[in-house]
PDB file of N, CA and C in Angstrom:
ATOM      1  N   MET A   1       0.870  32.424  61.758  1.00  0.00           N
ATOM      2  CA  MET A   1       2.349  32.022  62.086  1.00  0.00           C
ATOM      3  C   MET A   1       2.831  31.537  63.074  1.00  0.00           C
ATOM      4  N   TYR A   2       3.194  30.485  63.675  1.00  0.00           N
ATOM      5  CA  TYR A   2       3.371  30.116  64.754  1.00  0.00           C
ATOM      6  C   TYR A   2       4.835  30.196  65.351  1.00  0.00           C
ATOM      7  N   ASN A   3       5.030  31.251  66.276  1.00  0.00           N
ATOM      8  CA  ASN A   3       6.350  31.682  66.177  1.00  0.00           C
ATOM      9  C   ASN A   3       7.231  31.956  65.364  1.00  0.00           C
ATOM     10  N   ARG A   4       6.773  32.766  64.635  1.00  0.00           N
ATOM     11  CA  ARG A   4       7.530  33.113  63.428  1.00  0.00           C
ATOM     12  C   ARG A   4       8.465  32.591  62.871  1.00  0.00           C
ATOM     13  N   ALA A   5       7.814  30.985  62.732  1.00  0.00           N
ATOM     14  CA  ALA A   5       8.482  29.802  62.156  1.00  0.00           C
ATOM     15  C   ALA A   5       8.014  29.723  60.640  1.00  0.00           C
ATOM     16  N   GLY A   6       6.801  30.379  59.918  1.00  0.00           N
ATOM     17  CA  GLY A   6       6.594  30.375  58.950  1.00  0.00           C
ATOM     18  C   GLY A   6       5.130  29.361  58.495  1.00  0.00           C
ATOM     19  N   ILE A   7       4.625  28.452  59.978  1.00  0.00           N
ATOM     20  CA  ILE A   7       3.663  27.634  59.851  1.00  0.00           C
ATOM     21  C   ILE A   7       2.915  28.000  60.751  1.00  0.00           C
ATOM     22  N   SER A   8       1.206  27.944  60.553  1.00  0.00           N
ATOM     23  CA  SER A   8       0.322  28.517  61.693  1.00  0.00           C
ATOM     24  C   SER A   8       0.003  27.933  62.775  1.00  0.00           C
ATOM     25  N   THR A   9       0.431  26.693  62.635  1.00  0.00           N
ATOM     26  CA  THR A   9       0.323  25.928  63.659  1.00  0.00           C
ATOM     27  C   THR A   9       1.453  24.569  63.813  1.00  0.00           C
ATOM     28  N   PRO A  10       1.757  23.976  65.149  1.00  0.00           N
ATOM     29  CA  PRO A  10       2.814  22.831  64.814  1.00  0.00           C
ATOM     30  C   PRO A  10       2.133  21.656  64.518  1.00  0.00           C
ATOM     31  N   ARG A  11       0.544  21.736  64.902  1.00  0.00           N
ATOM     32  CA  ARG A  11       0.020  20.447  64.701  1.00  0.00           C
ATOM     33  C   ARG A  11      -0.249  19.854  63.229  1.00  0.00           C
ATOM     34  N   GLY A  12       0.699  18.630  63.222  1.00  0.00           N
ATOM     35  CA  GLY A  12       0.388  18.502  61.830  1.00  0.00           C
ATOM     36  C   GLY A  12       1.760  18.512  61.353  1.00  0.00           C
ATOM     37  N   SER A  13       2.484  19.082  61.494  1.00  0.00           N
ATOM     38  CA  SER A  13       3.758  19.362  61.025  1.00  0.00           C
ATOM     39  C   SER A  13       4.704  18.584  61.028  1.00  0.00           C
ATOM     40  N   GLY A  14       4.471  17.527  61.863  1.00  0.00           N
ATOM     41  CA  GLY A  14       5.567  16.313  62.201  1.00  0.00           C
ATOM     42  C   GLY A  14       6.551  17.582  63.230  1.00  0.00           C
ATOM     43  N   SER A  15       6.542  18.295  63.843  1.00  0.00           N
ATOM     44  CA  SER A  15       7.333  19.000  65.084  1.00  0.00           C
ATOM     45  C   SER A  15       6.546  19.586  65.627  1.00  0.00           C
ATOM     46  N   ASN A  16       6.943  19.655  66.743  1.00  0.00           N
ATOM     47  CA  ASN A  16       6.777  20.308  68.628  1.00  0.00           C
ATOM     48  C   ASN A  16       6.673  21.763  68.685  1.00  0.00           C
ATOM     49  N   GLY A  17       7.388  22.543  67.337  1.00  0.00           N
ATOM     50  CA  GLY A  17       6.930  24.447  67.390  1.00  0.00           C
ATOM     51  C   GLY A  17       8.153  24.447  67.749  1.00  0.00           C
ATOM     52  N   TYR A  18       9.049  23.728  68.370  1.00  0.00           N
ATOM     53  CA  TYR A  18      10.627  24.509  68.926  1.00  0.00           C
ATOM     54  C   TYR A  18      11.495  25.123  68.298  1.00  0.00           C
ATOM     55  N   ILE A  19      11.573  26.093  68.103  1.00  0.00           N
ATOM     56  CA  ILE A  19      12.598  27.110  66.942  1.00  0.00           C
ATOM     57  C   ILE A  19      14.221  27.002  67.216  1.00  0.00           C
ATOM     58  N   GLN A  20      14.928  26.339  67.089  1.00  0.00           N
ATOM     59  CA  GLN A  20      16.572  26.463  67.128  1.00  0.00           C
ATOM     60  C   GLN A  20      17.051  27.568  66.546  1.00  0.00           C
ATOM     61  N   SER A  21      17.923  28.310  67.271  1.00  0.00           N
ATOM     62  CA  SER A  21      18.573  29.410  66.083  1.00  0.00           C
ATOM     63  C   SER A  21      20.031  28.663  65.989  1.00  0.00           C
ATOM     64  N   ASN A  22      20.785  29.112  64.721  1.00  0.00           N
ATOM     65  CA  ASN A  22      22.008  28.329  64.516  1.00  0.00           C
ATOM     66  C   ASN A  22      22.899  29.426  64.931  1.00  0.00           C
ATOM     67  N   ARG A  23      23.412  29.324  66.119  1.00  0.00           N
ATOM     68  CA  ARG A  23      24.618  30.066  66.459  1.00  0.00           C
ATOM     69  C   ARG A  23      25.772  29.888  66.030  1.00  0.00           C
ATOM     70  N   PHE A  24      26.037  29.191  65.225  1.00  0.00           N
ATOM     71  CA  PHE A  24      27.480  29.299  64.500  1.00  0.00           C
ATOM     72  C   PHE A  24      27.585  29.653  63.110  1.00  0.00           C
ATOM     73  N   PHE A  25      26.245  30.329  62.731  1.00  0.00           N
ATOM     74  CA  PHE A  25      26.165  31.454  62.006  1.00  0.00           C
ATOM     75  C   PHE A  25      26.860  32.670  62.035  1.00  0.00           C
ATOM     76  N   LEU A  26      27.857  33.406  61.327  1.00  0.00           N
ATOM     77  CA  LEU A  26      28.699  34.300  61.606  1.00  0.00           C
ATOM     78  C   LEU A  26      28.270  35.049  60.526  1.00  0.00           C
ATOM     79  N   LYS A  27      27.457  36.603  60.844  1.00  0.00           N
ATOM     80  CA  LYS A  27      27.784  37.490  59.931  1.00  0.00           C
ATOM     81  C   LYS A  27      28.770  37.986  59.099  1.00  0.00           C
ATOM     82  N   PRO A  28      28.500  38.190  57.934  1.00  0.00           N
ATOM     83  CA  PRO A  28      30.590  38.716  57.212  1.00  0.00           C
ATOM     84  C   PRO A  28      30.344  40.245  57.704  1.00  0.00           C
ATOM     85  N   LYS A  29      31.410  40.489  58.414  1.00  0.00           N
ATOM     86  CA  LYS A  29      31.652  41.839  59.014  1.00  0.00           C
ATOM     87  C   LYS A  29      31.875  42.926  57.569  1.00  0.00           C
ATOM     88  N   SER A  30      31.727  43.926  57.369  1.00  0.00           N
ATOM     89  CA  SER A  30      31.641  44.715  56.372  1.00  0.00           C
ATOM     90  C   SER A  30      32.873  45.791  56.154  1.00  0.00           C
ATOM     91  N   SER A  31      33.587  45.270  57.687  1.00  0.00           N
ATOM     92  CA  SER A  31      35.209  46.312  56.850  1.00  0.00           C
ATOM     93  C   SER A  31      36.583  44.729  56.295  1.00  0.00           C
ATOM     94  N   GLN A  32      35.890  43.674  56.587  1.00  0.00           N
ATOM     95  CA  GLN A  32      36.720  42.428  55.704  1.00  0.00           C
ATOM     96  C   GLN A  32      36.869  43.348  54.215  1.00  0.00           C
ATOM     97  N   PHE A  33      37.857  42.665  54.104  1.00  0.00           N
ATOM     98  CA  PHE A  33      38.465  42.625  52.785  1.00  0.00           C
ATOM     99  C   PHE A  33      37.558  42.021  51.647  1.00  0.00           C
ATOM    100  N   ASN A  34      37.071  42.775  50.648  1.00  0.00           N
ATOM    101  CA  ASN A  34      36.596  41.913  49.800  1.00  0.00           C
ATOM    102  C   ASN A  34      37.404  41.537  48.143  1.00  0.00           C
ATOM    103  N   PRO A  35      37.431  39.898  48.333  1.00  0.00           N
ATOM    104  CA  PRO A  35      38.206  39.138  47.348  1.00  0.00           C
ATOM    105  C   PRO A  35      37.730  39.771  46.165  1.00  0.00           C
ATOM    106  N   HIS A  36      36.584  39.935  46.261  1.00  0.00           N
ATOM    107  CA  HIS A  36      35.976  40.240  44.445  1.00  0.00           C
ATOM    108  C   HIS A  36      36.171  41.696  43.613  1.00  0.00           C
ATOM    109  N   LEU A  37      36.276  42.446  44.621  1.00  0.00           N
ATOM    110  CA  LEU A  37      36.903  43.757  44.189  1.00  0.00           C
ATOM    111  C   LEU A  37      38.360  43.258  43.342  1.00  0.00           C
ATOM    112  N   ASN A  38      39.410  43.116  43.667  1.00  0.00           N
ATOM    113  CA  ASN A  38      41.011  42.944  43.237  1.00  0.00           C
ATOM    114  C   ASN A  38      41.294  41.475  43.426  1.00  0.00           C
ATOM    115  N   ARG A  39      40.897  40.765  41.911  1.00  0.00           N
ATOM    116  CA  ARG A  39      41.009  39.227  41.793  1.00  0.00           C
ATOM    117  C   ARG A  39      42.827  39.196  41.678  1.00  0.00           C
ATOM    118  N   SER A  40      43.325  40.609  41.292  1.00  0.00           N
ATOM    119  CA  SER A  40      44.782  39.562  40.983  1.00  0.00           C
ATOM    120  C   SER A  40      45.777  40.577  42.032  1.00  0.00           C
ATOM    121  N   HIS A  41      45.389  40.573  43.017  1.00  0.00           N
ATOM    122  CA  HIS A  41      46.513  41.192  44.750  1.00  0.00           C
ATOM    123  C   HIS A  41      46.873  39.544  44.629  1.00  0.00           C
ATOM    124  N   PRO A  42      48.104  39.099  45.219  1.00  0.00           N
ATOM    125  CA  PRO A  42      48.806  38.047  45.346  1.00  0.00           C
ATOM    126  C   PRO A  42      48.240  37.637  46.737  1.00  0.00           C
ATOM    127  N   HIS A  43      47.954  38.799  47.631  1.00  0.00           N
ATOM    128  CA  HIS A  43      47.531  38.240  49.050  1.00  0.00           C
ATOM    129  C   HIS A  43      45.908  38.547  49.152  1.00  0.00           C
ATOM    130  N   ARG A  44      44.936  38.486  48.528  1.00  0.00           N
ATOM    131  CA  ARG A  44      43.819  38.861  48.708  1.00  0.00           C
ATOM    132  C   ARG A  44      42.577  37.684  49.388  1.00  0.00           C
ATOM    133  N   ASP A  45      43.150  36.361  49.468  1.00  0.00           N
ATOM    134  CA  ASP A  45      42.924  35.819  50.616  1.00  0.00           C
ATOM    135  C   ASP A  45      43.573  36.124  52.146  1.00  0.00           C
ATOM    136  N   THR A  46      44.149  37.087  52.006  1.00  0.00           N
ATOM    137  CA  THR A  46      44.501  37.777  53.934  1.00  0.00           C
ATOM    138  C   THR A  46      43.959  38.218  54.162  1.00  0.00           C
ATOM    139  N   CYS A  47      42.478  38.777  53.739  1.00  0.00           N
ATOM    140  CA  CYS A  47      41.529  39.911  53.968  1.00  0.00           C
ATOM    141  C   CYS A  47      42.386  41.145  54.254  1.00  0.00           C
ATOM    142  N   GLY A  48      43.215  41.693  53.616  1.00  0.00           N
ATOM    143  CA  GLY A  48      43.058  42.578  53.043  1.00  0.00           C
ATOM    144  C   GLY A  48      44.604  43.399  53.428  1.00  0.00           C
ATOM    145  N   PHE A  49      45.282  42.071  54.735  1.00  0.00           N
ATOM    146  CA  PHE A  49      46.621  42.388  55.510  1.00  0.00           C
ATOM    147  C   PHE A  49      47.625  41.724  54.742  1.00  0.00           C
ATOM    148  N   ILE A  50      48.696  42.374  54.690  1.00  0.00           N
ATOM    149  CA  ILE A  50      50.159  42.226  54.158  1.00  0.00           C
ATOM    150  C   ILE A  50      51.002  41.673  55.010  1.00  0.00           C
ATOM    151  N   ARG A  51      51.396  40.471  55.451  1.00  0.00           N
ATOM    152  CA  ARG A  51      52.220  40.299  55.871  1.00  0.00           C
ATOM    153  C   ARG A  51      53.592  40.487  55.732  1.00  0.00           C
ATOM    154  N   LYS A  52      54.587  41.027  56.945  1.00  0.00           N
ATOM    155  CA  LYS A  52      55.813  41.779  56.796  1.00  0.00           C
ATOM    156  C   LYS A  52      56.570  40.397  56.890  1.00  0.00           C
ATOM    157  N   PRO A  53      57.450  39.904  56.298  1.00  0.00           N
ATOM    158  CA  PRO A  53      58.442  38.958  56.492  1.00  0.00           C
ATOM    159  C   PRO A  53      59.089  38.887  58.291  1.00  0.00           C
ATOM    160  N   LYS A  54      59.463  38.036  58.866  1.00  0.00           N
ATOM    161  CA  LYS A  54      60.161  38.614  60.270  1.00  0.00           C
ATOM    162  C   LYS A  54      61.609  38.546  60.437  1.00  0.00           C
ATOM    163  N   ILE A  55      62.608  39.434  60.925  1.00  0.00           N
ATOM    164  CA  ILE A  55      63.770  40.090  60.505  1.00  0.00           C
ATOM    165  C   ILE A  55      64.441  38.323  61.010  1.00  0.00           C
ATOM    166  N   ASP A  56      63.888  37.691  61.913  1.00  0.00           N
ATOM    167  CA  ASP A  56      64.535  37.293  63.111  1.00  0.00           C
ATOM    168  C   ASP A  56      64.438  35.508  61.634  1.00  0.00           C
ATOM    169  N   ILE A  57      63.913  35.413  61.082  1.00  0.00           N
ATOM    170  CA  ILE A  57      63.100  34.688  59.795  1.00  0.00           C
ATOM    171  C   ILE A  57      64.408  34.507  58.975  1.00  0.00           C
ATOM    172  N   LEU A  58      64.427  35.537  58.212  1.00  0.00           N
ATOM    173  CA  LEU A  58      65.411  35.939  57.128  1.00  0.00           C
ATOM    174  C   LEU A  58      66.737  35.599  57.517  1.00  0.00           C
ATOM    175  N   ASP A  59      67.342  36.142  58.786  1.00  0.00           N
ATOM    176  CA  ASP A  59      68.377  36.527  59.040  1.00  0.00           C
ATOM    177  C   ASP A  59      68.982  34.730  59.354  1.00  0.00           C
ATOM    178  N   HIS A  60      68.213  33.919  59.923  1.00  0.00           N
ATOM    179  CA  HIS A  60      68.513  32.599  60.260  1.00  0.00           C
ATOM    180  C   HIS A  60      68.747  31.857  58.921  1.00  0.00           C
ATOM    181  N   ASN A  61      67.972  32.566  57.809  1.00  0.00           N
ATOM    182  CA  ASN A  61      68.187  31.461  56.860  1.00  0.00           C
ATOM    183  C   ASN A  61      69.203  32.075  55.922  1.00  0.00           C
ATOM    184  N   ARG A  62      69.696  33.178  56.133  1.00  0.00           N
ATOM    185  CA  ARG A  62      71.093  33.935  55.500  1.00  0.00           C
ATOM    186  C   ARG A  62      71.859  32.978  56.243  1.00  0.00           C
ATOM    187  N   ARG A  63      71.878  32.923  57.460  1.00  0.00           N
ATOM    188  CA  ARG A  63      72.985  31.940  58.201  1.00  0.00           C
ATOM    189  C   ARG A  63      73.349  30.666  57.803  1.00  0.00           C
ATOM    190  N   ARG A  64      71.765  30.182  57.430  1.00  0.00           N
ATOM    191  CA  ARG A  64      71.589  28.374  56.890  1.00  0.00           C
ATOM    192  C   ARG A  64      72.452  28.791  55.970  1.00  0.00           C
ATOM    193  N   LYS A  65      72.047  29.081  54.681  1.00  0.00           N
ATOM    194  CA  LYS A  65      72.667  29.367  53.100  1.00  0.00           C
ATOM    195  C   LYS A  65      74.167  29.377  53.585  1.00  0.00           C
ATOM    196  N   LYS A  66      74.895  30.280  54.444  1.00  0.00           N
ATOM    197  CA  LYS A  66      76.446  30.738  54.191  1.00  0.00           C
ATOM    198  C   LYS A  66      76.874  29.199  55.210  1.00  0.00           C
ATOM    199  N   HIS A  67      76.383  28.342  55.982  1.00  0.00           N
ATOM    200  CA  HIS A  67      76.580  27.184  56.472  1.00  0.00           C
ATOM    201  C   HIS A  67      76.514  26.405  55.881  1.00  0.00           C
ATOM    202  N   VAL A  68      75.430  25.954  54.844  1.00  0.00           N
ATOM    203  CA  VAL A  68      75.676  24.658  53.687  1.00  0.00           C
ATOM    204  C   VAL A  68      76.659  25.332  52.917  1.00  0.00           C
ATOM    205  N   LYS A  69      76.954  26.465  52.294  1.00  0.00           N
ATOM    206  CA  LYS A  69      78.176  26.569  51.371  1.00  0.00           C
ATOM    207  C   LYS A  69      79.241  26.395  51.853  1.00  0.00           C
ATOM    208  N   LEU A  70      79.211  26.682  53.583  1.00  0.00           N
ATOM    209  CA  LEU A  70      80.686  26.037  53.838  1.00  0.00           C
ATOM    210  C   LEU A  70      80.801  24.772  54.051  1.00  0.00           C
ATOM    211  N   LEU A  71      79.554  23.832  54.089  1.00  0.00           N
ATOM    212  CA  LEU A  71      79.947  22.284  54.345  1.00  0.00           C
ATOM    213  C   LEU A  71      80.415  21.752  53.228  1.00  0.00           C
ATOM    214  N   GLU A  72      79.428  22.691  51.912  1.00  0.00           N
ATOM    215  CA  GLU A  72      79.687  21.814  50.612  1.00  0.00           C
ATOM    216  C   GLU A  72      81.269  21.978  50.392  1.00  0.00           C
ATOM    217  N   LEU A  73      81.920  23.009  50.116  1.00  0.00           N
ATOM    218  CA  LEU A  73      82.983  23.525  50.450  1.00  0.00           C
ATOM    219  C   LEU A  73      84.160  22.246  51.223  1.00  0.00           C
ATOM    220  N   GLU A  74      84.187  22.236  52.164  1.00  0.00           N
ATOM    221  CA  GLU A  74      84.152  21.497  53.022  1.00  0.00           C
ATOM    222  C   GLU A  74      84.254  19.710  52.202  1.00  0.00           C
ATOM    223  N   ASP A  75      83.052  19.620  52.214  1.00  0.00           N
ATOM    224  CA  ASP A  75      83.167  18.307  51.597  1.00  0.00           C
ATOM    225  C   ASP A  75      84.109  18.014  50.172  1.00  0.00           C
ATOM    226  N   LYS A  76      83.894  19.208  49.490  1.00  0.00           N
ATOM    227  CA  LYS A  76      84.524  19.030  47.743  1.00  0.00           C
ATOM    228  C   LYS A  76      86.125  18.720  48.356  1.00  0.00           C
ATOM    229  N   LEU A  77      86.751  19.694  49.425  1.00  0.00           N
ATOM    230  CA  LEU A  77      87.685  19.945  49.546  1.00  0.00           C
ATOM    231  C   LEU A  77      88.383  18.133  50.453  1.00  0.00           C
ATOM    232  N   SER A  78      87.635  17.386  51.146  1.00  0.00           N
ATOM    233  CA  SER A  78      88.129  16.530  51.685  1.00  0.00           C
ATOM    234  C   SER A  78      87.638  15.280  50.534  1.00  0.00           C
ATOM    235  N   GLU A  79      87.230  15.644  49.794  1.00  0.00           N
ATOM    236  CA  GLU A  79      87.139  14.183  48.192  1.00  0.00           C
ATOM    237  C   GLU A  79      88.179  14.733  47.596  1.00  0.00           C
ATOM    238  N   GLN A  80      89.049  15.977  47.461  1.00  0.00           N
ATOM    239  CA  GLN A  80      89.845  16.150  46.372  1.00  0.00           C
ATOM    240  C   GLN A  80      90.906  15.811  47.198  1.00  0.00           C
ATOM    241  N   GLY A  81      90.942  15.203  48.889  1.00  0.00           N
ATOM    242  CA  GLY A  81      92.191  14.968  49.012  1.00  0.00           C
ATOM    243  C   GLY A  81      92.835  15.551  49.988  1.00  0.00           C
ATOM    244  N   TYR A  82      92.613  16.592  50.197  1.00  0.00           N
ATOM    245  CA  TYR A  82      93.441  17.908  51.278  1.00  0.00           C
ATOM    246  C   TYR A  82      93.136  17.168  52.608  1.00  0.00           C
ATOM    247  N   SER A  83      94.541  17.781  53.245  1.00  0.00           N
ATOM    248  CA  SER A  83      94.580  17.402  54.896  1.00  0.00           C
ATOM    249  C   SER A  83      93.322  17.997  55.598  1.00  0.00           C
ATOM    250  N   GLU A  84      93.415  17.883  56.557  1.00  0.00           N
ATOM    251  CA  GLU A  84      92.553  18.743  57.906  1.00  0.00           C
ATOM    252  C   GLU A  84      93.262  19.942  57.952  1.00  0.00           C
ATOM    253  N   SER A  85      94.320  20.488  58.258  1.00  0.00           N
ATOM    254  CA  SER A  85      94.667  21.517  58.348  1.00  0.00           C
ATOM    255  C   SER A  85      94.466  22.222  57.160  1.00  0.00           C
ATOM    256  N   GLU A  86      94.370  21.803  55.730  1.00  0.00           N
ATOM    257  CA  GLU A  86      94.455  22.386  54.817  1.00  0.00           C
ATOM    258  C   GLU A  86      93.183  23.489  54.451  1.00  0.00           C
ATOM    259  N   ILE A  87      92.050  22.137  55.325  1.00  0.00           N
ATOM    260  CA  ILE A  87      90.676  22.290  54.913  1.00  0.00           C
ATOM    261  C   ILE A  87      90.384  23.724  55.806  1.00  0.00           C
ATOM    262  N   ALA A  88      90.880  23.509  56.895  1.00  0.00           N
ATOM    263  CA  ALA A  88      90.258  24.429  58.047  1.00  0.00           C
ATOM    264  C   ALA A  88      90.763  25.979  57.216  1.00  0.00           C
ATOM    265  N   GLU A  89      92.220  25.938  56.947  1.00  0.00           N
ATOM    266  CA  GLU A  89      92.880  27.252  56.314  1.00  0.00           C
ATOM    267  C   GLU A  89      91.914  27.709  55.158  1.00  0.00           C
ATOM    268  N   ILE A  90      91.573  26.944  54.555  1.00  0.00           N
ATOM    269  CA  ILE A  90      90.670  27.304  53.209  1.00  0.00           C
ATOM    270  C   ILE A  90      89.535  28.009  54.103  1.00  0.00           C
ATOM    271  N   LEU A  91      88.830  27.050  54.653  1.00  0.00           N
ATOM    272  CA  LEU A  91      87.401  27.468  55.180  1.00  0.00           C
ATOM    273  C   LEU A  91      87.632  28.837  55.935  1.00  0.00           C
ATOM    274  N   ALA A  92      88.538  29.030  56.275  1.00  0.00           N
ATOM    275  CA  ALA A  92      88.967  30.380  57.490  1.00  0.00           C
ATOM    276  C   ALA A  92      88.820  31.538  56.351  1.00  0.00           C
ATOM    277  N   GLY A  93      89.407  31.077  55.244  1.00  0.00           N
ATOM    278  CA  GLY A  93      89.535  32.332  54.328  1.00  0.00           C
ATOM    279  C   GLY A  93      87.991  32.143  53.788  1.00  0.00           C
ATOM    280  N   ALA A  94      87.056  31.206  52.962  1.00  0.00           N
ATOM    281  CA  ALA A  94      85.765  31.288  52.800  1.00  0.00           C
ATOM    282  C   ALA A  94      85.047  32.447  53.723  1.00  0.00           C
ATOM    283  N   ILE A  95      85.035  31.618  55.204  1.00  0.00           N
ATOM    284  CA  ILE A  95      84.288  32.550  56.412  1.00  0.00           C
ATOM    285  C   ILE A  95      84.588  34.070  56.160  1.00  0.00           C
ATOM    286  N   LYS A  96      85.926  34.455  56.065  1.00  0.00           N
ATOM    287  CA  LYS A  96      86.250  36.046  55.803  1.00  0.00           C
ATOM    288  C   LYS A  96      85.755  36.768  54.607  1.00  0.00           C
ATOM    289  N   LYS A  97      85.654  36.150  53.502  1.00  0.00           N
ATOM    290  CA  LYS A  97      85.143  36.317  52.272  1.00  0.00           C
ATOM    291  C   LYS A  97      83.119  36.457  52.671  1.00  0.00           C
ATOM    292  N   LEU A  98      82.797  35.822  53.305  1.00  0.00           N
ATOM    293  CA  LEU A  98      81.144  35.761  53.725  1.00  0.00           C
ATOM    294  C   LEU A  98      80.996  37.024  54.465  1.00  0.00           C
ATOM    295  N   LYS A  99      81.923  36.831  55.510  1.00  0.00           N
ATOM    296  CA  LYS A  99      81.559  38.402  56.370  1.00  0.00           C
ATOM    297  C   LYS A  99      81.805  39.420  55.277  1.00  0.00           C
ATOM    298  N   VAL A 100      82.472  39.520  54.393  1.00  0.00           N
ATOM    299  CA  VAL A 100      82.992  41.068  53.452  1.00  0.00           C
ATOM    300  C   VAL A 100      81.933  40.870  52.798  1.00  0.00           C
ATOM    301  N   SER A 101      81.536  39.859  52.094  1.00  0.00           N
ATOM    302  CA  SER A 101      80.306  39.948  51.336  1.00  0.00           C
ATOM    303  C   SER A 101      78.977  40.313  52.355  1.00  0.00           C
ATOM    304  N   VAL A 102      78.622  39.564  53.134  1.00  0.00           N
ATOM    305  CA  VAL A 102      77.839  40.254  54.398  1.00  0.00           C
ATOM    306  C   VAL A 102      77.758  41.581  54.765  1.00  0.00           C
ATOM    307  N   ALA A 103      78.945  41.862  54.741  1.00  0.00           N
ATOM    308  CA  ALA A 103      78.695  43.678  55.198  1.00  0.00           C
ATOM    309  C   ALA A 103      78.455  44.466  54.134  1.00  0.00           C
ATOM    310  N   ALA A 104      78.763  43.882  52.964  1.00  0.00           N
ATOM    311  CA  ALA A 104      78.836  44.622  51.746  1.00  0.00           C
ATOM    312  C   ALA A 104      77.197  44.896  51.555  1.00  0.00           C
ATOM    313  N   ASP A 105      76.754  43.751  52.053  1.00  0.00           N
ATOM    314  CA  ASP A 105      74.812  44.219  51.787  1.00  0.00           C
ATOM    315  C   ASP A 105      74.075  44.730  52.770  1.00  0.00           C
TER     316      ASP A 105
END
């Protein structure tokens, strides 16, 4: 065995006998999540860590939904022929209702 490569000598093998190690091979860590143990878990590909949702993103999505509802109401009212002052009054009432519903949550 020549340089622990499995050949007795590099002569006649078509190589010069230089052995390179694979430095990109990473040995699996034993502390990582084993996906074979619990295949039914919805987050099994996240190595056992379940991410919690970020409060800022959830809050942004809630505000965006409210804003979209108000824009849809404004479009609907303008299509029905209401004047701008009437639309502003109705939207102010809708904003108050949304604030009350958000406070209740």
